[in-house]
Amino acid sequence: MPATAEISETLIREYINRAVTDVFKTMLGREPSFSAQAGLAGDAPSPTSESARPQVVGTVGFIGDINGLIYLHLDVGFARLCTCHLLGMSEAELDEAGDEVINDAIGELTNMTVGGFKNGLCDAGYPCKLTIPSILRGSNFSIEPISDAIRHIYYFDCAEHRVVADILMKADDSA
């Protein structure tokens, strides 16, 4: 039986909820609240396809007994707010520093969040390692998984903003 079928949706939701809550509370002093779940692959549109607002999307993968990617979607305004708080910068200082600073901050927040999720997988007996973070920017784009990936989308409300965790998982085929 593929490992992704053995891990229940309840555990995936628990791991991502704990990871998002811990990172945002510890690093940003903000407590996100779990808002909704969009369902499994094919049941829900990509979180960015519904929004015309510019997005900053951090992504980090994990590889091992389970492989996957987690995309953390934030609108640009919230990404800026998070960056200012995380780095102790004013809006003016952030404007001067540019988008690269925002990319680095959201990449690190995503890395910490996916690290927390990965720790849950490892504790459940599915060892894996993280990949390097990357950033997507834009509006009106969609992320489409390959056909045999399992997708879970979770929504969180934080400081009057929406954070979306888009999880794609696939069992290791080499086992």
C-alpha atoms as a PDB file:
ATOM      1  CA  MET A   1       0.000   0.000   0.000  1.00  0.00           C
ATOM      2  CA  PRO A   2       1.447   3.409  -0.904  1.00  0.00           C
ATOM      3  CA  ALA A   3       2.615   5.434   2.077  1.00  0.00           C
ATOM      4  CA  THR A   4       0.443   8.391   1.087  1.00  0.00           C
ATOM      5  CA  ALA A   5      -2.666   6.183   1.433  1.00  0.00           C
ATOM      6  CA  GLU A   6      -1.536   5.080   4.910  1.00  0.00           C
ATOM      7  CA  ILE A   7      -1.325   8.615   6.257  1.00  0.00           C
ATOM      8  CA  SER A   8      -4.809   9.796   7.047  1.00  0.00           C
ATOM      9  CA  GLU A   9      -6.138  13.174   6.032  1.00  0.00           C
ATOM     10  CA  THR A  10      -6.634  13.825   9.756  1.00  0.00           C
ATOM     11  CA  LEU A  11      -2.902  13.434  10.401  1.00  0.00           C
ATOM     12  CA  ILE A  12      -1.975  15.601   7.420  1.00  0.00           C
ATOM     13  CA  ARG A  13      -4.350  18.313   8.654  1.00  0.00           C
ATOM     14  CA  GLU A  14      -2.961  17.991  12.187  1.00  0.00           C
ATOM     15  CA  TYR A  15       0.672  18.245  10.998  1.00  0.00           C
ATOM     16  CA  ILE A  16       0.101  21.277   8.769  1.00  0.00           C
ATOM     17  CA  ASN A  17      -2.109  23.019  11.340  1.00  0.00           C
ATOM     18  CA  ARG A  18       0.550  22.561  14.026  1.00  0.00           C
ATOM     19  CA  ALA A  19       3.358  23.652  11.689  1.00  0.00           C
ATOM     20  CA  VAL A  20       1.595  26.810  10.439  1.00  0.00           C
ATOM     21  CA  THR A  21       0.441  27.754  13.953  1.00  0.00           C
ATOM     22  CA  ASP A  22       3.854  27.208  15.561  1.00  0.00           C
ATOM     23  CA  VAL A  23       5.808  29.146  12.945  1.00  0.00           C
ATOM     24  CA  PHE A  24       3.433  32.096  12.627  1.00  0.00           C
ATOM     25  CA  LYS A  25       2.970  32.387  16.396  1.00  0.00           C
ATOM     26  CA  THR A  26       6.682  32.067  17.204  1.00  0.00           C
ATOM     27  CA  MET A  27       8.193  34.068  14.348  1.00  0.00           C
ATOM     28  CA  LEU A  28       5.486  36.645  13.684  1.00  0.00           C
ATOM     29  CA  GLY A  29       3.580  36.920  16.951  1.00  0.00           C
ATOM     30  CA  ARG A  30       0.386  36.107  15.029  1.00  0.00           C
ATOM     31  CA  GLU A  31      -1.869  33.163  15.718  1.00  0.00           C
ATOM     32  CA  PRO A  32      -3.473  31.766  12.579  1.00  0.00           C
ATOM     33  CA  SER A  33      -6.727  29.888  12.848  1.00  0.00           C
ATOM     34  CA  PHE A  34      -7.637  26.913  10.701  1.00  0.00           C
ATOM     35  CA  SER A  35     -10.411  28.153   8.441  1.00  0.00           C
ATOM     36  CA  ALA A  36     -11.314  25.494   5.892  1.00  0.00           C
ATOM     37  CA  GLN A  37     -10.235  22.523   3.898  1.00  0.00           C
ATOM     38  CA  ALA A  38     -10.764  22.401   0.151  1.00  0.00           C
ATOM     39  CA  GLY A  39     -10.637  18.667  -0.412  1.00  0.00           C
ATOM     40  CA  LEU A  40      -8.464  16.267  -2.334  1.00  0.00           C
ATOM     41  CA  ALA A  41      -6.947  16.371  -5.817  1.00  0.00           C
ATOM     42  CA  GLY A  42      -9.339  17.502  -8.491  1.00  0.00           C
ATOM     43  CA  ASP A  43     -11.975  18.600  -5.984  1.00  0.00           C
ATOM     44  CA  ALA A  44     -10.750  22.157  -5.646  1.00  0.00           C
ATOM     45  CA  PRO A  45      -9.179  24.762  -7.885  1.00  0.00           C
ATOM     46  CA  SER A  46      -5.655  25.936  -7.237  1.00  0.00           C
ATOM     47  CA  PRO A  47      -5.679  28.628  -4.525  1.00  0.00           C
ATOM     48  CA  THR A  48      -4.015  31.173  -6.817  1.00  0.00           C
ATOM     49  CA  SER A  49      -6.383  30.599  -9.714  1.00  0.00           C
ATOM     50  CA  GLU A  50      -9.205  32.204  -7.726  1.00  0.00           C
ATOM     51  CA  SER A  51      -7.340  35.383  -6.849  1.00  0.00           C
ATOM     52  CA  ALA A  52      -6.485  38.275  -9.097  1.00  0.00           C
ATOM     53  CA  ARG A  53      -4.449  39.788  -6.238  1.00  0.00           C
ATOM     54  CA  PRO A  54      -0.683  39.380  -6.547  1.00  0.00           C
ATOM     55  CA  GLN A  55       0.645  36.458  -4.536  1.00  0.00           C
ATOM     56  CA  VAL A  56       3.951  35.454  -3.021  1.00  0.00           C
ATOM     57  CA  VAL A  57       4.080  31.670  -2.850  1.00  0.00           C
ATOM     58  CA  GLY A  58       6.869  29.916  -0.985  1.00  0.00           C
ATOM     59  CA  THR A  59       7.510  26.277  -1.786  1.00  0.00           C
ATOM     60  CA  VAL A  60       9.669  23.635  -0.146  1.00  0.00           C
ATOM     61  CA  GLY A  61       9.754  19.968  -1.012  1.00  0.00           C
ATOM     62  CA  PHE A  62      10.414  16.869   1.031  1.00  0.00           C
ATOM     63  CA  ILE A  63      11.922  13.631  -0.226  1.00  0.00           C
ATOM     64  CA  GLY A  64      12.225  10.204   1.340  1.00  0.00           C
ATOM     65  CA  ASP A  65       9.650   7.523   2.073  1.00  0.00           C
ATOM     66  CA  ILE A  66       7.121  10.176   1.041  1.00  0.00           C
ATOM     67  CA  ASN A  67       7.845  12.863  -1.524  1.00  0.00           C
ATOM     68  CA  GLY A  68       6.007  16.091  -1.896  1.00  0.00           C
ATOM     69  CA  LEU A  69       5.814  19.837  -2.062  1.00  0.00           C
ATOM     70  CA  ILE A  70       4.101  22.366   0.114  1.00  0.00           C
ATOM     71  CA  TYR A  71       3.146  25.714  -1.364  1.00  0.00           C
ATOM     72  CA  LEU A  72       2.450  28.461   1.161  1.00  0.00           C
ATOM     73  CA  HIS A  73       0.335  31.193  -0.473  1.00  0.00           C
ATOM     74  CA  LEU A  74       0.269  34.747   0.909  1.00  0.00           C
ATOM     75  CA  ASP A  75      -1.001  37.879  -0.769  1.00  0.00           C
ATOM     76  CA  VAL A  76       1.728  40.461  -1.367  1.00  0.00           C
ATOM     77  CA  GLY A  77       0.404  42.774   1.366  1.00  0.00           C
ATOM     78  CA  PHE A  78       0.602  40.046   3.998  1.00  0.00           C
ATOM     79  CA  ALA A  79       4.010  38.891   2.720  1.00  0.00           C
ATOM     80  CA  ARG A  80       5.249  42.456   3.196  1.00  0.00           C
ATOM     81  CA  LEU A  81       3.752  42.636   6.707  1.00  0.00           C
ATOM     82  CA  CYS A  82       5.370  39.310   7.635  1.00  0.00           C
ATOM     83  CA  THR A  83       8.736  40.427   6.269  1.00  0.00           C
ATOM     84  CA  CYS A  84       8.668  43.715   8.171  1.00  0.00           C
ATOM     85  CA  HIS A  85       7.823  41.942  11.428  1.00  0.00           C
ATOM     86  CA  LEU A  86      10.300  39.107  10.922  1.00  0.00           C
ATOM     87  CA  LEU A  87      13.200  41.437  10.068  1.00  0.00           C
ATOM     88  CA  GLY A  88      12.226  44.429  12.222  1.00  0.00           C
ATOM     89  CA  MET A  89      11.926  46.698   9.185  1.00  0.00           C
ATOM     90  CA  SER A  90       9.639  49.608   8.441  1.00  0.00           C
ATOM     91  CA  GLU A  91       7.591  49.727   5.228  1.00  0.00           C
ATOM     92  CA  ALA A  92       9.972  52.412   3.918  1.00  0.00           C
ATOM     93  CA  GLU A  93      13.013  50.243   4.653  1.00  0.00           C
ATOM     94  CA  LEU A  94      11.335  47.317   2.921  1.00  0.00           C
ATOM     95  CA  ASP A  95      10.557  49.447  -0.142  1.00  0.00           C
ATOM     96  CA  GLU A  96      14.214  50.424  -0.303  1.00  0.00           C
ATOM     97  CA  ALA A  97      15.420  46.826   0.161  1.00  0.00           C
ATOM     98  CA  GLY A  98      13.184  45.412  -2.590  1.00  0.00           C
ATOM     99  CA  ASP A  99      11.376  42.196  -3.380  1.00  0.00           C
ATOM    100  CA  GLU A 100      14.402  39.970  -2.802  1.00  0.00           C
ATOM    101  CA  VAL A 101      14.130  40.568   0.949  1.00  0.00           C
ATOM    102  CA  ILE A 102      10.455  39.539   0.854  1.00  0.00           C
ATOM    103  CA  ASN A 103      11.361  36.429  -1.141  1.00  0.00           C
ATOM    104  CA  ASP A 104      14.027  35.478   1.411  1.00  0.00           C
ATOM    105  CA  ALA A 105      11.699  36.021   4.377  1.00  0.00           C
ATOM    106  CA  ILE A 106       8.787  34.076   2.878  1.00  0.00           C
ATOM    107  CA  GLY A 107      11.202  31.351   1.753  1.00  0.00           C
ATOM    108  CA  GLU A 108      12.421  31.013   5.333  1.00  0.00           C
ATOM    109  CA  LEU A 109       8.876  31.017   6.790  1.00  0.00           C
ATOM    110  CA  THR A 110       7.955  28.323   4.295  1.00  0.00           C
ATOM    111  CA  ASN A 111      11.088  26.337   5.118  1.00  0.00           C
ATOM    112  CA  MET A 112      10.265  26.419   8.847  1.00  0.00           C
ATOM    113  CA  THR A 113       6.624  25.482   8.204  1.00  0.00           C
ATOM    114  CA  VAL A 114       7.457  22.568   5.924  1.00  0.00           C
ATOM    115  CA  GLY A 115      10.141  21.501   8.415  1.00  0.00           C
ATOM    116  CA  GLY A 116       7.475  21.251  11.101  1.00  0.00           C
ATOM    117  CA  PHE A 117       5.231  19.237   8.775  1.00  0.00           C
ATOM    118  CA  LYS A 118       8.152  16.967   7.830  1.00  0.00           C
ATOM    119  CA  ASN A 119       8.888  16.343  11.517  1.00  0.00           C
ATOM    120  CA  GLY A 120       5.341  15.005  11.886  1.00  0.00           C
ATOM    121  CA  LEU A 121       5.904  12.654   8.951  1.00  0.00           C
ATOM    122  CA  CYS A 122       9.211  11.475  10.428  1.00  0.00           C
ATOM    123  CA  ASP A 123       7.599  10.908  13.845  1.00  0.00           C
ATOM    124  CA  ALA A 124       4.926   8.801  12.101  1.00  0.00           C
ATOM    125  CA  GLY A 125       7.630   6.577  10.581  1.00  0.00           C
ATOM    126  CA  TYR A 126       8.096   8.227   7.168  1.00  0.00           C
ATOM    127  CA  PRO A 127      11.602   9.706   7.172  1.00  0.00           C
ATOM    128  CA  CYS A 128      12.248  12.450   4.662  1.00  0.00           C
ATOM    129  CA  LYS A 129      14.482  15.467   4.073  1.00  0.00           C
ATOM    130  CA  LEU A 130      13.730  18.998   2.906  1.00  0.00           C
ATOM    131  CA  THR A 131      14.669  20.551  -0.406  1.00  0.00           C
ATOM    132  CA  ILE A 132      15.697  24.177  -0.834  1.00  0.00           C
ATOM    133  CA  PRO A 133      12.956  26.820  -0.803  1.00  0.00           C
ATOM    134  CA  SER A 134      11.824  28.673  -3.899  1.00  0.00           C
ATOM    135  CA  ILE A 135       9.406  31.511  -4.535  1.00  0.00           C
ATOM    136  CA  LEU A 136       6.645  31.990  -7.095  1.00  0.00           C
ATOM    137  CA  ARG A 137       5.169  35.457  -7.676  1.00  0.00           C
ATOM    138  CA  GLY A 138       2.213  36.553  -9.709  1.00  0.00           C
ATOM    139  CA  SER A 139      -1.550  36.517  -9.979  1.00  0.00           C
ATOM    140  CA  ASN A 140      -4.082  34.407 -11.834  1.00  0.00           C
ATOM    141  CA  PHE A 141      -1.847  31.367 -12.139  1.00  0.00           C
ATOM    142  CA  SER A 142      -2.475  27.787 -11.129  1.00  0.00           C
ATOM    143  CA  ILE A 143      -0.377  25.002  -9.726  1.00  0.00           C
ATOM    144  CA  GLU A 144      -1.388  21.667 -11.174  1.00  0.00           C
ATOM    145  CA  PRO A 145      -0.190  18.390  -9.666  1.00  0.00           C
ATOM    146  CA  ILE A 146       0.838  15.358 -11.672  1.00  0.00           C
ATOM    147  CA  SER A 147      -1.867  12.727 -11.952  1.00  0.00           C
ATOM    148  CA  ASP A 148      -0.632  10.359  -9.240  1.00  0.00           C
ATOM    149  CA  ALA A 149      -0.012  13.021  -6.583  1.00  0.00           C
ATOM    150  CA  ILE A 150      -2.411  13.387  -3.693  1.00  0.00           C
ATOM    151  CA  ARG A 151      -3.371  16.994  -3.008  1.00  0.00           C
ATOM    152  CA  HIS A 152      -4.663  18.613   0.175  1.00  0.00           C
ATOM    153  CA  ILE A 153      -5.476  22.331   0.441  1.00  0.00           C
ATOM    154  CA  TYR A 154      -5.938  24.044   3.814  1.00  0.00           C
ATOM    155  CA  TYR A 155      -6.913  27.632   4.548  1.00  0.00           C
ATOM    156  CA  PHE A 156      -5.865  29.668   7.572  1.00  0.00           C
ATOM    157  CA  ASP A 157      -6.917  33.142   8.658  1.00  0.00           C
ATOM    158  CA  CYS A 158      -4.163  35.265  10.152  1.00  0.00           C
ATOM    159  CA  ALA A 159      -4.145  38.986  10.937  1.00  0.00           C
ATOM    160  CA  GLU A 160      -7.136  39.524   8.614  1.00  0.00           C
ATOM    161  CA  HIS A 161      -5.304  37.782   5.776  1.00  0.00           C
ATOM    162  CA  ARG A 162      -5.618  34.348   4.213  1.00  0.00           C
ATOM    163  CA  VAL A 163      -2.753  31.854   4.230  1.00  0.00           C
ATOM    164  CA  VAL A 164      -3.173  28.777   2.057  1.00  0.00           C
ATOM    165  CA  ALA A 165      -1.174  25.580   2.485  1.00  0.00           C
ATOM    166  CA  ASP A 166      -1.314  23.545  -0.732  1.00  0.00           C
ATOM    167  CA  ILE A 167       0.189  20.082  -0.144  1.00  0.00           C
ATOM    168  CA  LEU A 168       1.116  17.640  -2.908  1.00  0.00           C
ATOM    169  CA  MET A 169       2.319  14.180  -1.845  1.00  0.00           C
ATOM    170  CA  LYS A 170       3.435  11.017  -3.583  1.00  0.00           C
ATOM    171  CA  ALA A 171       4.862   7.763  -2.230  1.00  0.00           C
ATOM    172  CA  ASP A 172       8.482   6.924  -2.995  1.00  0.00           C
ATOM    173  CA  ASP A 173       8.359   4.694  -6.094  1.00  0.00           C
ATOM    174  CA  SER A 174      11.776   3.142  -5.515  1.00  0.00           C
ATOM    175  CA  ALA A 175      10.703   1.066  -2.498  1.00  0.00           C
END
